[in-house]
Amino acid sequence: MRLFLIGYAVLWAITLPLVLLYLLWRSRRDPLYRRHIAERFGIYPAHSGETVWVHAVSLGEMRSAGPLIAELLERGETVVTTHFTPAGRKAATALFPSEVAKGRLVALYVPFEYDWVYRRFFRRFRPKYGLVMEIEMWPRMIASARKDRVPLFMCNGQYPEKSFNRDTDRTALRGELARGFAGLMIKSETHAERFRALGATNIAVTGELRFDQPIPPHLLTAAEAFSKAADMDDRPVVCTASSVQGEDEQYLQAYKTVQDRAGKAGLPKPLFIHVPRAPERFALIGDMLEAAGQNVLRRSKALNSALGLLPDTSVAEADILLGDSLGEMYFYLALSDITVVGGGFVAKGAHNVIEPLALQKPVLVGPHIWTIEYPAVEAMAAGVLTRVETIDELADALFDGLYSKQAVKAKQRLKQFYAEHSGATQRTLEALPGLIEGAHYDG
């Protein structure tokens, strides 16, 4: 590991100009990438007192950290969050604006991977301990925290089977890095066993923090008002959430199949809500759907800032509502009877299924679920999530679910499943004292 860290430092020294060019390139679309660049080199605003450090690389990780940070703040802690992307940093300030104003939460860019930068970070913010969200393993961060006796824990961690098989076949690096943490708080026992197989110790199984995320009530209220205004009572709705490049044309094929079968059977016309994952693809996907003959209603043109229908806008003739907006996923999900979670029809894997499960919506995913092994395996066993292998199977499952009222029948199972998997925030905080006591810094 010492040899690796030497090589890693040399690599960072060589590639730093490329990293800076990358940030500059990303700043063409988002100017925030080139702001606060000094923070990445350990130059920070003045700060006094101890903190709890939470590293959440981007938006998804920050959202999962939200309930835990809220509880830490409630307990009187001062929290410093670090992020690589502006989306993560913006999410921190948006979730806790009053705490930011009072100086009880400080959101920063994560230091570049240099020991001297982390040393400055530790001196300035004096973290009692650090929590690294999800699967992030930054070698210099881990090594510097260990060197400076800052207890650094993986939090809400997971170890997908695909990654485990690759690591055990090819490299022991992940095991070395996992053993560098002061302790690990892992989503499920299955994932914990994989870390143990690589020699990691001081592990607690704490569950999935995303199950504790608050649901924005204004989005649920807006969905209810939209349904009434659009007269949606008898119309079945499907929400395809976070579709990725390579999937949209496949989903369109499923939509057409369901539309054709419903039309021939004289059943109510379905409404498909299609929400692409990347904002830069919103317009492109809308154009593609229209070119395929679909009547597309774009959220950006049909709804106002409060998610109300604009004058002279009709939903009755629309085939697809394009969700070309950010931060409104719960609105789209609340409108649906069934949710399709994107990513599962490409090798990179499916995205977060917890949000629709929180709203008690049955979920369909494609074959590639290694990225969401937990809680997907448990959700399939509970009968609240279905994995399909092909687009034809997806179309069949959608048609059966929409018109046989399976979504209504699944409500109780969904409610029970969500209740059984909540509470990770408290389990995490309860595990911390024992993990801190069990931490060691030998080697």
Protein backbone atom coordinates (compact mmCIF):
# COMPACT_ATOMS: atom_id res chain seq x y z
CA MET A 1 0.00 0.00 0.00
CA ARG A 2 2.88 2.39 0.73
CA LEU A 3 4.28 1.73 -2.74
CA PHE A 4 0.83 2.21 -4.22
CA LEU A 5 0.39 5.56 -2.43
CA ILE A 6 3.76 6.75 -3.75
CA GLY A 7 2.72 5.85 -7.29
CA TYR A 8 -0.71 7.36 -6.69
CA ALA A 9 0.89 10.66 -5.58
CA VAL A 10 3.06 10.71 -8.70
CA LEU A 11 0.03 10.01 -10.87
CA TRP A 12 -1.89 12.88 -9.26
CA ALA A 13 1.05 15.22 -9.79
CA ILE A 14 1.21 14.28 -13.47
CA THR A 15 -2.54 14.41 -14.10
CA LEU A 16 -3.42 17.50 -12.03
CA PRO A 17 -3.41 19.75 -15.15
CA LEU A 18 -5.86 17.32 -16.77
CA VAL A 19 -8.08 17.39 -13.68
CA LEU A 20 -8.13 21.19 -13.75
CA LEU A 21 -8.90 21.14 -17.49
CA TYR A 22 -11.74 18.70 -16.78
CA LEU A 23 -13.21 21.07 -14.18
CA LEU A 24 -12.86 23.95 -16.64
CA TRP A 25 -14.58 21.92 -19.35
CA ARG A 26 -17.44 20.98 -17.00
CA SER A 27 -17.76 24.67 -16.06
CA ARG A 28 -18.93 25.47 -19.58
CA ARG A 29 -22.30 24.00 -18.60
CA ASP A 30 -22.08 24.66 -14.87
CA PRO A 31 -19.93 27.69 -13.88
CA LEU A 32 -19.87 26.44 -10.28
CA TYR A 33 -17.20 23.92 -11.28
CA ARG A 34 -14.64 26.72 -11.49
CA ARG A 35 -15.77 28.57 -8.37
CA HIS A 36 -14.20 27.96 -4.95
CA ILE A 37 -11.28 26.19 -6.64
CA ALA A 38 -9.05 27.19 -3.69
CA GLU A 39 -10.96 24.80 -1.46
CA ARG A 40 -9.65 21.88 -3.51
CA PHE A 41 -6.14 22.96 -2.45
CA GLY A 42 -6.99 23.30 1.24
CA ILE A 43 -7.64 27.06 1.37
CA TYR A 44 -10.76 27.53 3.47
CA PRO A 45 -12.70 30.25 5.28
CA ALA A 46 -11.96 30.73 8.95
CA HIS A 47 -13.49 28.18 11.29
CA SER A 48 -13.14 27.25 14.95
CA GLY A 49 -14.24 24.26 16.95
CA GLU A 50 -14.66 20.56 16.27
CA THR A 51 -16.87 19.18 13.53
CA VAL A 52 -18.32 15.96 12.20
CA TRP A 53 -17.15 15.47 8.63
CA VAL A 54 -19.47 13.95 6.00
CA HIS A 55 -18.13 13.25 2.50
CA ALA A 56 -20.91 13.01 -0.09
CA VAL A 57 -19.36 13.16 -3.54
CA SER A 58 -22.46 14.29 -5.46
CA LEU A 59 -26.23 14.75 -5.37
CA GLY A 60 -27.28 11.14 -4.73
CA GLU A 61 -24.86 10.65 -1.88
CA MET A 62 -25.87 13.96 -0.31
CA ARG A 63 -29.52 12.99 -0.42
CA SER A 64 -28.80 9.70 1.32
CA ALA A 65 -26.76 11.56 3.94
CA GLY A 66 -29.53 14.11 4.58
CA PRO A 67 -31.42 12.31 7.38
CA LEU A 68 -28.17 11.47 9.17
CA ILE A 69 -26.88 15.05 8.95
CA ALA A 70 -30.22 16.35 10.22
CA GLU A 71 -29.96 14.12 13.28
CA LEU A 72 -26.33 15.15 13.91
CA LEU A 73 -27.35 18.80 13.79
CA GLU A 74 -30.27 18.08 16.12
CA ARG A 75 -27.77 16.61 18.58
CA GLY A 76 -25.78 19.84 18.57
CA GLU A 77 -22.94 18.86 16.25
CA THR A 78 -21.35 21.21 13.73
CA VAL A 79 -21.08 19.46 10.38
CA VAL A 80 -18.67 20.01 7.48
CA THR A 81 -19.65 18.34 4.21
CA THR A 82 -17.30 17.79 1.29
CA HIS A 83 -18.29 17.17 -2.33
CA PHE A 84 -16.65 16.74 -5.71
CA THR A 85 -19.54 18.12 -7.80
CA PRO A 86 -21.46 21.38 -7.54
CA ALA A 87 -24.67 19.34 -7.42
CA GLY A 88 -23.62 17.77 -4.11
CA ARG A 89 -22.52 21.09 -2.67
CA LYS A 90 -25.73 22.85 -3.75
CA ALA A 91 -27.83 20.05 -2.28
CA ALA A 92 -26.15 20.49 1.10
CA THR A 93 -26.90 24.22 1.23
CA ALA A 94 -30.42 23.71 -0.11
CA LEU A 95 -31.27 21.04 2.48
CA PHE A 96 -29.91 23.02 5.45
CA PRO A 97 -30.07 26.76 4.61
CA SER A 98 -30.61 27.99 8.18
CA GLU A 99 -27.78 25.84 9.54
CA VAL A 100 -25.47 27.17 6.81
CA ALA A 101 -26.45 30.74 7.74
CA LYS A 102 -25.67 30.05 11.40
CA GLY A 103 -22.33 28.42 10.61
CA ARG A 104 -23.46 25.04 11.93
CA LEU A 105 -23.03 23.42 8.53
CA VAL A 106 -20.19 24.22 6.14
CA ALA A 107 -20.30 22.83 2.59
CA LEU A 108 -16.99 22.60 0.71
CA TYR A 109 -15.33 20.92 -2.22
CA VAL A 110 -13.35 17.84 -1.25
CA PRO A 111 -9.57 18.33 -1.16
CA PHE A 112 -7.53 17.08 -4.07
CA GLU A 113 -5.77 13.81 -3.26
CA TYR A 114 -2.65 15.21 -1.58
CA ASP A 115 -1.61 14.55 1.99
CA TRP A 116 -0.66 18.18 2.61
CA VAL A 117 -4.14 19.35 1.49
CA TYR A 118 -5.90 16.90 3.83
CA ARG A 119 -3.58 17.97 6.63
CA ARG A 120 -4.76 21.57 6.17
CA PHE A 121 -8.37 20.39 6.09
CA PHE A 122 -7.94 18.46 9.35
CA ARG A 123 -6.26 21.39 11.08
CA ARG A 124 -8.96 23.83 10.04
CA PHE A 125 -12.06 21.75 10.80
CA ARG A 126 -10.80 19.34 13.49
CA PRO A 127 -13.18 16.47 12.62
CA LYS A 128 -14.13 14.16 15.51
CA TYR A 129 -14.72 11.53 12.86
CA GLY A 130 -15.53 11.32 9.16
CA LEU A 131 -18.34 9.53 7.33
CA VAL A 132 -17.76 8.62 3.68
CA MET A 133 -21.05 7.93 1.95
CA GLU A 134 -21.81 4.88 -0.18
CA ILE A 135 -18.91 3.31 -2.12
CA GLU A 136 -16.35 6.12 -2.27
CA MET A 137 -12.77 4.97 -1.63
CA TRP A 138 -10.29 7.80 -2.08
CA PRO A 139 -6.86 6.30 -1.25
CA ARG A 140 -5.18 9.50 -0.08
CA MET A 141 -8.21 10.50 1.99
CA ILE A 142 -8.17 7.14 3.76
CA ALA A 143 -4.40 7.14 4.30
CA SER A 144 -4.25 10.75 5.51
CA ALA A 145 -7.13 10.26 7.95
CA ARG A 146 -5.43 7.16 9.32
CA LYS A 147 -2.09 8.96 9.60
CA ASP A 148 -3.66 11.90 11.46
CA ARG A 149 -5.80 9.68 13.71
CA VAL A 150 -9.10 10.95 12.30
CA PRO A 151 -11.56 8.02 12.57
CA LEU A 152 -12.91 7.63 9.03
CA PHE A 153 -15.89 5.35 8.44
CA MET A 154 -17.58 4.07 5.35
CA CYS A 155 -21.26 4.90 5.85
CA ASN A 156 -24.28 3.44 4.04
CA GLY A 157 -21.72 1.22 2.31
CA GLN A 158 -22.28 -1.55 -0.16
CA TYR A 159 -20.16 -4.05 -2.09
CA PRO A 160 -22.02 -5.26 -5.21
CA GLU A 161 -21.42 -8.86 -6.26
CA LYS A 162 -20.04 -7.79 -9.63
CA SER A 163 -17.39 -5.63 -7.95
CA PHE A 164 -16.60 -8.34 -5.39
CA ASN A 165 -16.03 -10.97 -8.07
CA ARG A 166 -13.82 -8.60 -10.05
CA ASP A 167 -11.76 -7.64 -7.02
CA THR A 168 -11.22 -11.19 -5.77
CA ASP A 169 -10.18 -12.30 -9.26
CA ARG A 170 -7.87 -9.42 -10.15
CA THR A 171 -6.77 -7.16 -7.32
CA ALA A 172 -6.55 -6.88 -3.55
CA LEU A 173 -6.62 -3.08 -3.62
CA ARG A 174 -10.21 -2.69 -2.47
CA GLY A 175 -9.49 -4.95 0.49
CA GLU A 176 -6.48 -2.81 1.42
CA LEU A 177 -8.56 0.35 1.19
CA ALA A 178 -11.46 -1.17 3.15
CA ARG A 179 -9.06 -2.16 5.92
CA GLY A 180 -7.78 1.43 5.95
CA PHE A 181 -11.13 2.71 7.24
CA ALA A 182 -11.58 2.91 10.99
CA GLY A 183 -14.79 0.95 10.52
CA LEU A 184 -17.55 0.16 8.06
CA MET A 185 -21.31 0.69 8.32
CA ILE A 186 -22.87 -1.48 5.66
CA LYS A 187 -26.37 -1.76 4.16
CA SER A 188 -26.87 -5.51 4.51
CA GLU A 189 -25.27 -8.63 5.93
CA THR A 190 -24.58 -9.94 2.42
CA HIS A 191 -22.48 -6.90 1.61
CA ALA A 192 -20.79 -7.01 5.02
CA GLU A 193 -19.70 -10.63 4.42
CA ARG A 194 -17.98 -9.56 1.21
CA PHE A 195 -15.97 -6.93 3.05
CA ARG A 196 -15.08 -9.49 5.73
CA ALA A 197 -13.87 -11.87 3.01
CA LEU A 198 -11.28 -9.25 2.06
CA GLY A 199 -10.09 -8.94 5.64
CA ALA A 200 -12.07 -5.91 6.82
CA THR A 201 -13.10 -5.82 10.46
CA ASN A 202 -14.97 -3.47 12.81
CA ILE A 203 -18.15 -3.73 10.74
CA ALA A 204 -21.77 -2.91 11.63
CA VAL A 205 -24.83 -3.66 9.50
CA THR A 206 -26.95 -0.51 9.68
CA GLY A 207 -29.28 -0.62 6.66
CA GLU A 208 -30.01 1.92 3.93
CA LEU A 209 -30.21 5.61 4.88
CA ARG A 210 -32.35 6.44 1.85
CA PHE A 211 -35.28 4.71 3.53
CA ASP A 212 -35.24 7.57 6.06
CA GLN A 213 -35.37 10.39 3.52
CA PRO A 214 -38.24 12.83 4.08
CA ILE A 215 -40.76 13.10 1.25
CA PRO A 216 -41.35 16.73 0.19
CA PRO A 217 -45.03 17.34 1.03
CA HIS A 218 -45.42 20.16 -1.51
CA LEU A 219 -44.69 17.73 -4.36
CA LEU A 220 -47.36 15.32 -3.14
CA THR A 221 -49.85 18.18 -2.82
CA ALA A 222 -48.97 19.36 -6.33
CA ALA A 223 -49.51 15.85 -7.71
CA GLU A 224 -52.93 15.62 -6.11
CA ALA A 225 -53.93 19.01 -7.54
CA PHE A 226 -52.61 18.06 -10.98
CA SER A 227 -54.63 14.83 -11.00
CA LYS A 228 -57.81 16.72 -10.22
CA ALA A 229 -57.17 19.48 -12.74
CA ALA A 230 -56.32 16.96 -15.48
CA ASP A 231 -59.22 14.65 -14.56
CA MET A 232 -56.90 11.66 -14.11
CA ASP A 233 -59.12 9.55 -11.84
CA ASP A 234 -59.72 6.73 -14.33
CA ARG A 235 -56.53 7.02 -16.33
CA PRO A 236 -53.68 4.59 -15.56
CA VAL A 237 -50.23 6.18 -15.25
CA VAL A 238 -46.72 4.80 -15.57
CA CYS A 239 -43.65 6.77 -14.50
CA THR A 240 -40.31 5.80 -16.04
CA ALA A 241 -37.81 7.36 -13.66
CA SER A 242 -34.18 8.12 -14.55
CA SER A 243 -33.96 6.58 -18.01
CA VAL A 244 -30.41 6.59 -19.34
CA GLN A 245 -28.84 6.75 -22.77
CA GLY A 246 -29.55 3.57 -24.70
CA GLU A 247 -32.87 2.88 -23.00
CA ASP A 248 -35.31 5.52 -24.24
CA GLU A 249 -36.04 3.85 -27.58
CA GLN A 250 -36.58 0.56 -25.77
CA TYR A 251 -39.06 2.11 -23.36
CA LEU A 252 -40.86 3.72 -26.30
CA GLN A 253 -41.34 0.25 -27.78
CA ALA A 254 -42.98 -0.91 -24.52
CA TYR A 255 -45.18 2.20 -24.43
CA LYS A 256 -46.45 1.51 -27.96
CA THR A 257 -47.22 -2.11 -27.11
CA VAL A 258 -49.28 -1.12 -24.06
CA GLN A 259 -51.04 1.65 -26.01
CA ASP A 260 -51.97 -0.72 -28.83
CA ARG A 261 -53.24 -3.44 -26.49
CA ALA A 262 -55.28 -0.97 -24.44
CA GLY A 263 -56.79 0.58 -27.58
CA LYS A 264 -57.82 -2.80 -29.03
CA ALA A 265 -59.38 -3.83 -25.72
CA GLY A 266 -61.27 -0.55 -25.35
CA LEU A 267 -59.47 0.25 -22.10
CA PRO A 268 -58.62 3.76 -20.79
CA LYS A 269 -55.65 5.37 -22.51
CA PRO A 270 -52.48 5.19 -20.38
CA LEU A 271 -50.32 8.21 -19.63
CA PHE A 272 -46.58 7.59 -19.58
CA ILE A 273 -44.39 9.96 -17.59
CA HIS A 274 -40.87 9.79 -18.99
CA VAL A 275 -38.08 11.32 -16.88
CA PRO A 276 -34.59 11.19 -18.45
CA ARG A 277 -31.73 11.14 -15.97
CA ALA A 278 -29.43 13.71 -17.63
CA PRO A 279 -30.75 17.29 -18.10
CA GLU A 280 -28.75 17.72 -21.30
CA ARG A 281 -30.88 14.96 -22.85
CA PHE A 282 -34.28 16.47 -22.02
CA ALA A 283 -34.88 18.23 -25.33
CA LEU A 284 -33.33 15.43 -27.39
CA ILE A 285 -35.58 12.76 -25.86
CA GLY A 286 -38.65 14.95 -26.21
CA ASP A 287 -37.92 15.40 -29.91
CA MET A 288 -37.34 11.67 -30.35
CA LEU A 289 -40.67 10.79 -28.75
CA GLU A 290 -42.53 13.32 -30.89
CA ALA A 291 -40.82 12.07 -34.05
CA ALA A 292 -42.09 8.60 -33.19
CA GLY A 293 -45.68 9.89 -33.30
CA GLN A 294 -46.25 10.38 -29.57
CA ASN A 295 -48.22 13.37 -28.32
CA VAL A 296 -45.69 14.79 -25.83
CA LEU A 297 -46.51 17.27 -23.08
CA ARG A 298 -43.30 18.83 -21.75
CA ARG A 299 -43.32 19.83 -18.11
CA SER A 300 -41.24 22.92 -18.92
CA LYS A 301 -43.93 24.20 -21.32
CA ALA A 302 -47.13 22.84 -19.80
CA LEU A 303 -46.74 23.49 -16.05
CA ASN A 304 -45.90 26.57 -14.03
CA SER A 305 -43.32 26.83 -11.24
CA ALA A 306 -45.85 25.46 -8.73
CA LEU A 307 -46.52 22.44 -11.00
CA GLY A 308 -49.96 23.69 -11.94
CA LEU A 309 -51.27 23.37 -15.49
CA LEU A 310 -50.81 26.48 -17.62
CA PRO A 311 -53.93 27.98 -19.27
CA ASP A 312 -55.21 26.16 -22.37
CA THR A 313 -53.12 23.09 -21.57
CA SER A 314 -54.86 19.72 -21.92
CA VAL A 315 -53.55 16.41 -20.64
CA ALA A 316 -56.35 14.34 -22.13
CA GLU A 317 -54.74 13.99 -25.56
CA ALA A 318 -51.20 13.55 -24.29
CA ASP A 319 -49.51 10.17 -24.59
CA ILE A 320 -46.40 11.15 -22.66
CA LEU A 321 -45.58 13.75 -20.02
CA LEU A 322 -41.88 14.51 -20.37
CA GLY A 323 -40.33 15.22 -16.99
CA ASP A 324 -37.76 17.76 -18.19
CA SER A 325 -37.05 19.20 -14.74
CA LEU A 326 -34.83 18.58 -11.73
CA GLY A 327 -35.81 18.00 -8.11
CA GLU A 328 -39.41 17.05 -8.84
CA MET A 329 -39.20 13.25 -9.00
CA TYR A 330 -41.63 12.71 -6.13
CA PHE A 331 -44.22 14.71 -8.08
CA TYR A 332 -43.93 12.38 -11.06
CA LEU A 333 -43.86 9.27 -8.90
CA ALA A 334 -46.92 10.36 -6.92
CA LEU A 335 -48.92 10.59 -10.15
CA SER A 336 -48.09 7.03 -11.16
CA ASP A 337 -49.69 3.66 -10.53
CA ILE A 338 -46.53 1.75 -11.45
CA THR A 339 -42.92 2.91 -11.70
CA VAL A 340 -40.22 1.72 -14.07
CA VAL A 341 -36.77 2.59 -12.70
CA GLY A 342 -34.22 3.27 -15.42
CA GLY A 343 -30.71 1.96 -15.88
CA GLY A 344 -31.61 -1.72 -15.75
CA PHE A 345 -31.57 -2.23 -19.50
CA VAL A 346 -27.92 -1.20 -19.84
CA ALA A 347 -24.87 -2.84 -18.28
CA LYS A 348 -24.18 0.10 -15.92
CA GLY A 349 -27.15 -1.00 -13.85
CA ALA A 350 -30.42 0.26 -12.38
CA HIS A 351 -30.84 3.40 -10.30
CA ASN A 352 -32.44 4.09 -6.93
CA VAL A 353 -35.72 2.20 -6.35
CA ILE A 354 -36.34 3.51 -2.84
CA GLU A 355 -38.21 6.69 -3.80
CA PRO A 356 -41.09 4.86 -5.57
CA LEU A 357 -41.17 2.25 -2.81
CA ALA A 358 -41.51 5.09 -0.29
CA LEU A 359 -44.64 6.21 -2.12
CA GLN A 360 -45.94 2.63 -2.17
CA LYS A 361 -45.62 2.23 -5.93
CA PRO A 362 -44.83 -1.21 -7.38
CA VAL A 363 -41.51 -1.11 -9.22
CA LEU A 364 -40.30 -2.72 -12.44
CA VAL A 365 -36.62 -2.88 -13.39
CA GLY A 366 -34.57 -4.34 -16.21
CA PRO A 367 -32.18 -7.28 -15.89
CA HIS A 368 -29.11 -5.36 -14.66
CA ILE A 369 -29.68 -4.76 -10.94
CA TRP A 370 -26.17 -5.32 -9.55
CA THR A 371 -26.00 -1.63 -8.63
CA ILE A 372 -29.07 -1.92 -6.39
CA GLU A 373 -28.60 -5.47 -5.14
CA TYR A 374 -29.74 -4.17 -1.79
CA PRO A 375 -32.65 -3.53 -1.51
CA ALA A 376 -33.67 -5.05 -4.86
CA VAL A 377 -33.22 -8.68 -3.79
CA GLU A 378 -35.22 -8.09 -0.60
CA ALA A 379 -37.89 -6.14 -2.50
CA MET A 380 -38.30 -8.95 -5.04
CA ALA A 381 -38.68 -11.47 -2.23
CA ALA A 382 -41.37 -9.26 -0.67
CA GLY A 383 -43.25 -9.06 -3.96
CA VAL A 384 -42.95 -5.28 -4.35
CA LEU A 385 -40.36 -5.20 -7.13
CA THR A 386 -40.27 -7.17 -10.37
CA ARG A 387 -37.23 -7.70 -12.56
CA VAL A 388 -37.92 -8.32 -16.25
CA GLU A 389 -35.39 -9.61 -18.76
CA THR A 390 -36.70 -8.04 -21.97
CA ILE A 391 -38.71 -5.07 -23.18
CA ASP A 392 -41.50 -7.42 -24.26
CA GLU A 393 -41.69 -8.73 -20.69
CA LEU A 394 -41.77 -5.14 -19.46
CA ALA A 395 -44.71 -4.34 -21.74
CA ASP A 396 -46.60 -7.42 -20.50
CA ALA A 397 -45.92 -6.55 -16.86
CA LEU A 398 -47.04 -2.94 -17.39
CA PHE A 399 -50.27 -3.95 -19.11
CA ASP A 400 -51.12 -6.53 -16.45
CA GLY A 401 -50.22 -4.17 -13.62
CA LEU A 402 -52.20 -1.24 -14.98
CA TYR A 403 -55.36 -3.03 -15.97
CA SER A 404 -55.61 -5.84 -13.41
CA LYS A 405 -55.28 -3.43 -10.47
CA GLN A 406 -52.16 -5.18 -9.15
CA ALA A 407 -50.87 -1.81 -7.96
CA VAL A 408 -53.80 -1.54 -5.56
CA LYS A 409 -53.33 -5.10 -4.29
CA ALA A 410 -49.64 -4.48 -3.53
CA LYS A 411 -50.25 -1.50 -1.22
CA GLN A 412 -50.10 -3.43 2.04
CA ARG A 413 -46.96 -5.33 1.05
CA LEU A 414 -45.29 -2.06 0.06
CA LYS A 415 -46.20 -0.38 3.33
CA GLN A 416 -44.86 -3.30 5.36
CA PHE A 417 -41.64 -3.55 3.34
CA TYR A 418 -40.86 0.13 3.77
CA ALA A 419 -41.55 0.04 7.50
CA GLU A 420 -39.27 -2.98 7.95
CA HIS A 421 -36.34 -1.29 6.21
CA SER A 422 -36.53 2.18 7.77
CA GLY A 423 -34.49 3.28 10.78
CA ALA A 424 -30.95 3.21 9.34
CA THR A 425 -30.22 6.69 10.73
CA GLN A 426 -30.69 5.57 14.32
CA ARG A 427 -28.83 2.29 13.74
CA THR A 428 -25.90 4.26 12.28
CA LEU A 429 -25.69 6.62 15.24
CA GLU A 430 -26.04 3.75 17.70
CA ALA A 431 -23.22 1.84 15.99
CA LEU A 432 -20.75 4.74 15.93
CA PRO A 433 -19.53 4.70 19.57
CA GLY A 434 -18.66 1.01 19.41
CA LEU A 435 -16.94 1.39 16.04
CA ILE A 436 -14.92 4.37 17.29
CA GLU A 437 -13.87 2.35 20.33
CA GLY A 438 -12.92 -0.60 18.13
CA ALA A 439 -10.90 1.45 15.65
CA HIS A 440 -7.15 0.81 15.41
CA TYR A 441 -4.38 2.54 13.47
CA ASP A 442 -1.62 -0.06 13.35
CA GLY A 443 0.32 -0.51 10.13
